[in-house]
Amino acid sequence: MKTANILLVIFAFIALSIYKKYIKAMINDRIRRAQPAAVPQLVVERYGDPIKQA
């Protein structure tokens, strides 16, 4: 029974790490699709908005 519990904990950690990577990739993909011409805020603060200047 103790071995089964250890294996279950190991499996849970592996599953969580894979799930976390998948969720992070999905969020990044959604952000990229939602803002195709996104300009970083730091660039806007330092140099002005290049999209408005063009």
C-alpha atoms as a PDB file:
ATOM      1  CA  MET A   1       0.000   0.000   0.000  1.00  0.00           C
ATOM      2  CA  LYS A   2       2.866   2.369   0.812  1.00  0.00           C
ATOM      3  CA  THR A   3       4.445   1.769  -2.620  1.00  0.00           C
ATOM      4  CA  ALA A   4       1.143   2.512  -4.326  1.00  0.00           C
ATOM      5  CA  ASN A   5       0.857   5.819  -2.482  1.00  0.00           C
ATOM      6  CA  ILE A   6       4.396   6.826  -3.486  1.00  0.00           C
ATOM      7  CA  LEU A   7       3.696   5.963  -7.129  1.00  0.00           C
ATOM      8  CA  LEU A   8       0.453   7.923  -6.993  1.00  0.00           C
ATOM      9  CA  VAL A   9       2.249  11.012  -5.667  1.00  0.00           C
ATOM     10  CA  ILE A  10       4.939  10.740  -8.378  1.00  0.00           C
ATOM     11  CA  PHE A  11       2.297  10.338 -11.072  1.00  0.00           C
ATOM     12  CA  ALA A  12       0.372  13.332  -9.733  1.00  0.00           C
ATOM     13  CA  PHE A  13       3.486  15.553  -9.873  1.00  0.00           C
ATOM     14  CA  ILE A  14       4.255  14.466 -13.439  1.00  0.00           C
ATOM     15  CA  ALA A  15       0.661  15.057 -14.520  1.00  0.00           C
ATOM     16  CA  LEU A  16       0.614  18.506 -12.902  1.00  0.00           C
ATOM     17  CA  SER A  17       3.850  19.575 -14.579  1.00  0.00           C
ATOM     18  CA  ILE A  18       2.594  18.485 -18.014  1.00  0.00           C
ATOM     19  CA  TYR A  19      -0.765  20.161 -17.382  1.00  0.00           C
ATOM     20  CA  LYS A  20       0.949  23.385 -16.283  1.00  0.00           C
ATOM     21  CA  LYS A  21       3.060  23.487 -19.464  1.00  0.00           C
ATOM     22  CA  TYR A  22      -0.034  22.865 -21.594  1.00  0.00           C
ATOM     23  CA  ILE A  23      -2.044  25.606 -19.876  1.00  0.00           C
ATOM     24  CA  LYS A  24       0.845  28.085 -20.175  1.00  0.00           C
ATOM     25  CA  ALA A  25       1.237  27.331 -23.891  1.00  0.00           C
ATOM     26  CA  MET A  26      -2.504  27.674 -24.457  1.00  0.00           C
ATOM     27  CA  ILE A  27      -2.637  31.048 -22.676  1.00  0.00           C
ATOM     28  CA  ASN A  28       0.357  32.346 -24.654  1.00  0.00           C
ATOM     29  CA  ASP A  29      -1.259  31.202 -27.896  1.00  0.00           C
ATOM     30  CA  ARG A  30      -4.536  32.951 -27.024  1.00  0.00           C
ATOM     31  CA  ILE A  31      -2.694  36.175 -26.136  1.00  0.00           C
ATOM     32  CA  ARG A  32      -0.738  36.099 -29.404  1.00  0.00           C
ATOM     33  CA  ARG A  33      -3.892  35.531 -31.468  1.00  0.00           C
ATOM     34  CA  ALA A  34      -5.866  38.205 -29.630  1.00  0.00           C
ATOM     35  CA  GLN A  35      -3.161  40.858 -30.143  1.00  0.00           C
ATOM     36  CA  PRO A  36      -1.478  40.335 -33.519  1.00  0.00           C
ATOM     37  CA  ALA A  37       0.164  43.791 -33.470  1.00  0.00           C
ATOM     38  CA  ALA A  38       0.761  44.087 -29.742  1.00  0.00           C
ATOM     39  CA  VAL A  39       3.441  46.594 -28.733  1.00  0.00           C
ATOM     40  CA  PRO A  40       5.156  46.089 -25.364  1.00  0.00           C
ATOM     41  CA  GLN A  41       4.197  48.750 -22.824  1.00  0.00           C
ATOM     42  CA  LEU A  42       7.862  49.644 -22.201  1.00  0.00           C
ATOM     43  CA  VAL A  43       8.351  50.511 -25.889  1.00  0.00           C
ATOM     44  CA  VAL A  44       5.260  52.734 -25.830  1.00  0.00           C
ATOM     45  CA  GLU A  45       6.465  54.527 -22.682  1.00  0.00           C
ATOM     46  CA  ARG A  46       9.981  55.182 -24.010  1.00  0.00           C
ATOM     47  CA  TYR A  47       9.466  55.871 -27.712  1.00  0.00           C
ATOM     48  CA  GLY A  48       5.757  56.514 -28.157  1.00  0.00           C
ATOM     49  CA  ASP A  49       3.336  54.215 -29.946  1.00  0.00           C
ATOM     50  CA  PRO A  50       4.894  53.140 -33.277  1.00  0.00           C
ATOM     51  CA  ILE A  51       1.489  52.107 -34.648  1.00  0.00           C
ATOM     52  CA  LYS A  52       0.051  55.611 -34.129  1.00  0.00           C
ATOM     53  CA  GLN A  53       3.202  57.272 -35.512  1.00  0.00           C
ATOM     54  CA  ALA A  54       3.152  55.294 -38.750  1.00  0.00           C
END
